[in-house]
Amino acid sequence: MVMHVEVALLHGRSSAVKAHLSEGVLELIAAHLSEAGMDAVDLSVVVRDLPDSYRLSQGRSHAGTAQT
């Protein structure tokens, strides 16, 4: 089995920061899979920059909703 995770960030992070994040994600996933008895899973992570055209629109249905 193979699990691949992709993390997209706004641009501006250094290669070192992206590498550190990738390592952390790998460790976190491996720990959770191990707890579930799924040790034989190949893991990969890529951290990339979002394109300059990226936009986020938060729907109106969430307006005024308290976050806990």
PDB file of N, CA and C in Angstrom:
ATOM      1  N   MET A   1       0.844  -1.165   0.000  1.00  0.00           N
ATOM      2  CA  MET A   1       0.000   0.000   0.000  1.00  0.00           C
ATOM      3  C   MET A   1       0.896   1.238   0.000  1.00  0.00           C
ATOM      4  N   VAL A   2       0.418   2.275  -0.650  1.00  0.00           N
ATOM      5  CA  VAL A   2       1.145   3.541  -0.732  1.00  0.00           C
ATOM      6  C   VAL A   2       0.213   4.652  -0.288  1.00  0.00           C
ATOM      7  N   MET A   3       0.738   5.583   0.516  1.00  0.00           N
ATOM      8  CA  MET A   3      -0.023   6.767   0.903  1.00  0.00           C
ATOM      9  C   MET A   3       0.811   7.983   0.513  1.00  0.00           C
ATOM     10  N   HIS A   4       0.178   8.887  -0.200  1.00  0.00           N
ATOM     11  CA  HIS A   4       0.846  10.110  -0.634  1.00  0.00           C
ATOM     12  C   HIS A   4       0.076  11.302  -0.087  1.00  0.00           C
ATOM     13  N   VAL A   5       0.800  12.275   0.466  1.00  0.00           N
ATOM     14  CA  VAL A   5       0.199  13.491   1.015  1.00  0.00           C
ATOM     15  C   VAL A   5       0.796  14.676   0.284  1.00  0.00           C
ATOM     16  N   GLU A   6      -0.065  15.610  -0.101  1.00  0.00           N
ATOM     17  CA  GLU A   6       0.397  16.836  -0.739  1.00  0.00           C
ATOM     18  C   GLU A   6      -0.054  18.007   0.122  1.00  0.00           C
ATOM     19  N   VAL A   7       0.891  18.886   0.449  1.00  0.00           N
ATOM     20  CA  VAL A   7       0.617  20.085   1.231  1.00  0.00           C
ATOM     21  C   VAL A   7       0.927  21.282   0.343  1.00  0.00           C
ATOM     22  N   ALA A   8      -0.022  22.181   0.202  1.00  0.00           N
ATOM     23  CA  ALA A   8       0.167  23.375  -0.606  1.00  0.00           C
ATOM     24  C   ALA A   8       0.119  24.596   0.305  1.00  0.00           C
ATOM     25  N   LEU A   9       1.161  25.419   0.217  1.00  0.00           N
ATOM     26  CA  LEU A   9       1.289  26.600   1.069  1.00  0.00           C
ATOM     27  C   LEU A   9       1.370  27.858   0.217  1.00  0.00           C
ATOM     28  N   LEU A  10       0.993  28.967   0.800  1.00  0.00           N
ATOM     29  CA  LEU A  10       1.267  30.232   0.139  1.00  0.00           C
ATOM     30  C   LEU A  10       2.778  30.366  -0.002  1.00  0.00           C
ATOM     31  N   HIS A  11       3.213  30.963  -1.090  1.00  0.00           N
ATOM     32  CA  HIS A  11       4.651  31.032  -1.367  1.00  0.00           C
ATOM     33  C   HIS A  11       5.387  31.863  -0.318  1.00  0.00           C
ATOM     34  N   GLY A  12       6.660  31.644  -0.235  1.00  0.00           N
ATOM     35  CA  GLY A  12       7.479  32.419   0.685  1.00  0.00           C
ATOM     36  C   GLY A  12       8.229  31.580   1.703  1.00  0.00           C
ATOM     37  N   ARG A  13       7.942  30.287   1.781  1.00  0.00           N
ATOM     38  CA  ARG A  13       8.673  29.437   2.728  1.00  0.00           C
ATOM     39  C   ARG A  13       9.942  28.915   2.071  1.00  0.00           C
ATOM     40  N   SER A  14      10.977  28.791   2.841  1.00  0.00           N
ATOM     41  CA  SER A  14      12.246  28.300   2.313  1.00  0.00           C
ATOM     42  C   SER A  14      12.178  26.796   2.071  1.00  0.00           C
ATOM     43  N   SER A  15      13.129  26.300   1.296  1.00  0.00           N
ATOM     44  CA  SER A  15      13.223  24.857   1.049  1.00  0.00           C
ATOM     45  C   SER A  15      13.442  24.103   2.355  1.00  0.00           C
ATOM     46  N   ALA A  16      14.195  24.694   3.274  1.00  0.00           N
ATOM     47  CA  ALA A  16      14.458  24.049   4.564  1.00  0.00           C
ATOM     48  C   ALA A  16      13.170  23.907   5.378  1.00  0.00           C
ATOM     49  N   VAL A  17      12.332  24.920   5.371  1.00  0.00           N
ATOM     50  CA  VAL A  17      11.059  24.874   6.095  1.00  0.00           C
ATOM     51  C   VAL A  17      10.148  23.814   5.481  1.00  0.00           C
ATOM     52  N   LYS A  18      10.096  23.761   4.155  1.00  0.00           N
ATOM     53  CA  LYS A  18       9.273  22.764   3.478  1.00  0.00           C
ATOM     54  C   LYS A  18       9.767  21.351   3.788  1.00  0.00           C
ATOM     55  N   ALA A  19      11.079  21.169   3.799  1.00  0.00           N
ATOM     56  CA  ALA A  19      11.644  19.853   4.115  1.00  0.00           C
ATOM     57  C   ALA A  19      11.312  19.456   5.551  1.00  0.00           C
ATOM     58  N   HIS A  20      11.400  20.397   6.472  1.00  0.00           N
ATOM     59  CA  HIS A  20      11.075  20.130   7.876  1.00  0.00           C
ATOM     60  C   HIS A  20       9.602  19.742   8.012  1.00  0.00           C
ATOM     61  N   LEU A  21       8.729  20.440   7.312  1.00  0.00           N
ATOM     62  CA  LEU A  21       7.303  20.119   7.336  1.00  0.00           C
ATOM     63  C   LEU A  21       7.064  18.722   6.764  1.00  0.00           C
ATOM     64  N   SER A  22       7.721  18.393   5.667  1.00  0.00           N
ATOM     65  CA  SER A  22       7.580  17.061   5.067  1.00  0.00           C
ATOM     66  C   SER A  22       7.977  15.971   6.046  1.00  0.00           C
ATOM     67  N   GLU A  23       9.100  16.161   6.721  1.00  0.00           N
ATOM     68  CA  GLU A  23       9.557  15.171   7.708  1.00  0.00           C
ATOM     69  C   GLU A  23       8.541  15.015   8.831  1.00  0.00           C
ATOM     70  N   GLY A  24       8.000  16.130   9.303  1.00  0.00           N
ATOM     71  CA  GLY A  24       7.008  16.078  10.373  1.00  0.00           C
ATOM     72  C   GLY A  24       5.745  15.351   9.955  1.00  0.00           C
ATOM     73  N   VAL A  25       5.290  15.604   8.743  1.00  0.00           N
ATOM     74  CA  VAL A  25       4.097  14.929   8.234  1.00  0.00           C
ATOM     75  C   VAL A  25       4.354  13.428   8.124  1.00  0.00           C
ATOM     76  N   LEU A  26       5.526  13.049   7.596  1.00  0.00           N
ATOM     77  CA  LEU A  26       5.868  11.631   7.494  1.00  0.00           C
ATOM     78  C   LEU A  26       5.863  10.954   8.863  1.00  0.00           C
ATOM     79  N   GLU A  27       6.463  11.604   9.847  1.00  0.00           N
ATOM     80  CA  GLU A  27       6.514  11.036  11.199  1.00  0.00           C
ATOM     81  C   GLU A  27       5.112  10.895  11.794  1.00  0.00           C
ATOM     82  N   LEU A  28       4.289  11.897  11.610  1.00  0.00           N
ATOM     83  CA  LEU A  28       2.931  11.877  12.154  1.00  0.00           C
ATOM     84  C   LEU A  28       2.102  10.756  11.525  1.00  0.00           C
ATOM     85  N   ILE A  29       2.149  10.658  10.204  1.00  0.00           N
ATOM     86  CA  ILE A  29       1.380   9.610   9.523  1.00  0.00           C
ATOM     87  C   ILE A  29       1.889   8.234   9.930  1.00  0.00           C
ATOM     88  N   ALA A  30       3.212   8.065   9.963  1.00  0.00           N
ATOM     89  CA  ALA A  30       3.785   6.766  10.334  1.00  0.00           C
ATOM     90  C   ALA A  30       3.349   6.362  11.740  1.00  0.00           C
ATOM     91  N   ALA A  31       3.319   7.309  12.655  1.00  0.00           N
ATOM     92  CA  ALA A  31       2.916   7.006  14.027  1.00  0.00           C
ATOM     93  C   ALA A  31       1.457   6.551  14.081  1.00  0.00           C
ATOM     94  N   HIS A  32       0.581   7.262  13.371  1.00  0.00           N
ATOM     95  CA  HIS A  32      -0.839   6.904  13.381  1.00  0.00           C
ATOM     96  C   HIS A  32      -1.087   5.567  12.694  1.00  0.00           C
ATOM     97  N   LEU A  33      -0.393   5.322  11.588  1.00  0.00           N
ATOM     98  CA  LEU A  33      -0.564   4.045  10.903  1.00  0.00           C
ATOM     99  C   LEU A  33      -0.032   2.895  11.744  1.00  0.00           C
ATOM    100  N   SER A  34       1.064   3.129  12.456  1.00  0.00           N
ATOM    101  CA  SER A  34       1.635   2.100  13.316  1.00  0.00           C
ATOM    102  C   SER A  34       0.649   1.727  14.429  1.00  0.00           C
ATOM    103  N   GLU A  35       0.019   2.738  15.027  1.00  0.00           N
ATOM    104  CA  GLU A  35      -0.987   2.487  16.067  1.00  0.00           C
ATOM    105  C   GLU A  35      -2.149   1.654  15.529  1.00  0.00           C
ATOM    106  N   ALA A  36      -2.420   1.794  14.229  1.00  0.00           N
ATOM    107  CA  ALA A  36      -3.516   1.051  13.607  1.00  0.00           C
ATOM    108  C   ALA A  36      -3.048  -0.296  13.061  1.00  0.00           C
ATOM    109  N   GLY A  37      -1.774  -0.639  13.309  1.00  0.00           N
ATOM    110  CA  GLY A  37      -1.238  -1.909  12.842  1.00  0.00           C
ATOM    111  C   GLY A  37      -0.935  -1.938  11.363  1.00  0.00           C
ATOM    112  N   MET A  38      -0.709  -0.782  10.777  1.00  0.00           N
ATOM    113  CA  MET A  38      -0.446  -0.680   9.336  1.00  0.00           C
ATOM    114  C   MET A  38       0.983  -0.201   9.105  1.00  0.00           C
ATOM    115  N   ASP A  39       1.946  -1.027   9.468  1.00  0.00           N
ATOM    116  CA  ASP A  39       3.348  -0.633   9.364  1.00  0.00           C
ATOM    117  C   ASP A  39       3.919  -0.768   7.958  1.00  0.00           C
ATOM    118  N   ALA A  40       3.320  -1.594   7.113  1.00  0.00           N
ATOM    119  CA  ALA A  40       3.874  -1.872   5.782  1.00  0.00           C
ATOM    120  C   ALA A  40       3.272  -0.950   4.730  1.00  0.00           C
ATOM    121  N   VAL A  41       3.303   0.349   4.980  1.00  0.00           N
ATOM    122  CA  VAL A  41       2.769   1.333   4.045  1.00  0.00           C
ATOM    123  C   VAL A  41       3.911   2.239   3.612  1.00  0.00           C
ATOM    124  N   ASP A  42       4.103   2.366   2.304  1.00  0.00           N
ATOM    125  CA  ASP A  42       5.093   3.303   1.789  1.00  0.00           C
ATOM    126  C   ASP A  42       4.478   4.701   1.822  1.00  0.00           C
ATOM    127  N   LEU A  43       5.211   5.658   2.370  1.00  0.00           N
ATOM    128  CA  LEU A  43       4.704   7.020   2.544  1.00  0.00           C
ATOM    129  C   LEU A  43       5.506   8.000   1.708  1.00  0.00           C
ATOM    130  N   SER A  44       4.821   8.986   1.164  1.00  0.00           N
ATOM    131  CA  SER A  44       5.514  10.080   0.479  1.00  0.00           C
ATOM    132  C   SER A  44       4.762  11.375   0.765  1.00  0.00           C
ATOM    133  N   VAL A  45       5.519  12.458   0.776  1.00  0.00           N
ATOM    134  CA  VAL A  45       4.953  13.788   1.038  1.00  0.00           C
ATOM    135  C   VAL A  45       5.613  14.774   0.094  1.00  0.00           C
ATOM    136  N   VAL A  46       4.826  15.679  -0.444  1.00  0.00           N
ATOM    137  CA  VAL A  46       5.371  16.791  -1.204  1.00  0.00           C
ATOM    138  C   VAL A  46       4.761  18.075  -0.641  1.00  0.00           C
ATOM    139  N   VAL A  47       5.607  19.064  -0.446  1.00  0.00           N
ATOM    140  CA  VAL A  47       5.152  20.390  -0.013  1.00  0.00           C
ATOM    141  C   VAL A  47       5.456  21.337  -1.165  1.00  0.00           C
ATOM    142  N   ARG A  48       4.431  21.992  -1.643  1.00  0.00           N
ATOM    143  CA  ARG A  48       4.592  22.860  -2.808  1.00  0.00           C
ATOM    144  C   ARG A  48       3.981  24.228  -2.541  1.00  0.00           C
ATOM    145  N   ASP A  49       4.351  25.176  -3.365  1.00  0.00           N
ATOM    146  CA  ASP A  49       3.773  26.515  -3.302  1.00  0.00           C
ATOM    147  C   ASP A  49       2.466  26.551  -4.084  1.00  0.00           C
ATOM    148  N   LEU A  50       1.489  27.246  -3.540  1.00  0.00           N
ATOM    149  CA  LEU A  50       0.279  27.516  -4.298  1.00  0.00           C
ATOM    150  C   LEU A  50       0.613  28.521  -5.398  1.00  0.00           C
ATOM    151  N   PRO A  51      -0.050  28.451  -6.529  1.00  0.00           N
ATOM    152  CA  PRO A  51       0.213  29.432  -7.593  1.00  0.00           C
ATOM    153  C   PRO A  51      -0.271  30.820  -7.177  1.00  0.00           C
ATOM    154  N   ASP A  52       0.282  31.835  -7.807  1.00  0.00           N
ATOM    155  CA  ASP A  52      -0.115  33.211  -7.499  1.00  0.00           C
ATOM    156  C   ASP A  52      -1.597  33.459  -7.771  1.00  0.00           C
ATOM    157  N   SER A  53      -2.198  32.638  -8.608  1.00  0.00           N
ATOM    158  CA  SER A  53      -3.613  32.813  -8.935  1.00  0.00           C
ATOM    159  C   SER A  53      -4.538  32.231  -7.868  1.00  0.00           C
ATOM    160  N   TYR A  54      -3.988  31.582  -6.849  1.00  0.00           N
ATOM    161  CA  TYR A  54      -4.813  30.961  -5.802  1.00  0.00           C
ATOM    162  C   TYR A  54      -5.661  32.005  -5.090  1.00  0.00           C
ATOM    163  N   ARG A  55      -6.927  31.670  -4.913  1.00  0.00           N
ATOM    164  CA  ARG A  55      -7.855  32.514  -4.161  1.00  0.00           C
ATOM    165  C   ARG A  55      -8.701  31.610  -3.277  1.00  0.00           C
ATOM    166  N   LEU A  56      -9.126  32.112  -2.143  1.00  0.00           N
ATOM    167  CA  LEU A  56      -9.995  31.392  -1.233  1.00  0.00           C
ATOM    168  C   LEU A  56     -11.254  32.207  -1.029  1.00  0.00           C
ATOM    169  N   SER A  57     -12.389  31.571  -1.178  1.00  0.00           N
ATOM    170  CA  SER A  57     -13.660  32.216  -0.929  1.00  0.00           C
ATOM    171  C   SER A  57     -14.368  31.429   0.152  1.00  0.00           C
ATOM    172  N   GLN A  58     -14.591  32.063   1.273  1.00  0.00           N
ATOM    173  CA  GLN A  58     -15.301  31.402   2.361  1.00  0.00           C
ATOM    174  C   GLN A  58     -16.787  31.657   2.178  1.00  0.00           C
ATOM    175  N   GLY A  59     -17.563  30.575   2.166  1.00  0.00           N
ATOM    176  CA  GLY A  59     -18.994  30.676   1.918  1.00  0.00           C
ATOM    177  C   GLY A  59     -19.716  31.477   2.975  1.00  0.00           C
ATOM    178  N   ARG A  60     -20.802  32.071   2.578  1.00  0.00           N
ATOM    179  CA  ARG A  60     -21.607  32.872   3.499  1.00  0.00           C
ATOM    180  C   ARG A  60     -22.249  32.035   4.588  1.00  0.00           C
ATOM    181  N   SER A  61     -22.438  30.747   4.324  1.00  0.00           N
ATOM    182  CA  SER A  61     -23.097  29.900   5.326  1.00  0.00           C
ATOM    183  C   SER A  61     -22.280  29.776   6.595  1.00  0.00           C
ATOM    184  N   HIS A  62     -20.983  30.089   6.531  1.00  0.00           N
ATOM    185  CA  HIS A  62     -20.116  30.001   7.701  1.00  0.00           C
ATOM    186  C   HIS A  62     -20.017  31.342   8.440  1.00  0.00           C
ATOM    187  N   ALA A  63     -20.545  32.393   7.855  1.00  0.00           N
ATOM    188  CA  ALA A  63     -20.441  33.704   8.467  1.00  0.00           C
ATOM    189  C   ALA A  63     -21.160  33.721   9.809  1.00  0.00           C
ATOM    190  N   GLY A  64     -20.504  34.237  10.806  1.00  0.00           N
ATOM    191  CA  GLY A  64     -21.107  34.376  12.121  1.00  0.00           C
ATOM    192  C   GLY A  64     -21.130  33.092  12.929  1.00  0.00           C
ATOM    193  N   THR A  65     -20.560  32.030  12.389  1.00  0.00           N
ATOM    194  CA  THR A  65     -20.541  30.753  13.122  1.00  0.00           C
ATOM    195  C   THR A  65     -19.373  30.765  14.098  1.00  0.00           C
ATOM    196  N   ALA A  66     -19.669  30.463  15.329  1.00  0.00           N
ATOM    197  CA  ALA A  66     -18.609  30.422  16.349  1.00  0.00           C
ATOM    198  C   ALA A  66     -17.741  29.198  16.127  1.00  0.00           C
ATOM    199  N   GLN A  67     -16.449  29.389  16.184  1.00  0.00           N
ATOM    200  CA  GLN A  67     -15.487  28.294  16.069  1.00  0.00           C
ATOM    201  C   GLN A  67     -15.011  27.919  17.447  1.00  0.00           C
ATOM    202  N   THR A  68     -15.002  26.613  17.756  1.00  0.00           N
ATOM    203  CA  THR A  68     -14.536  26.171  19.075  1.00  0.00           C
ATOM    204  C   THR A  68     -13.309  25.340  18.932  1.00  0.00           C
TER     205      THR A  68
END
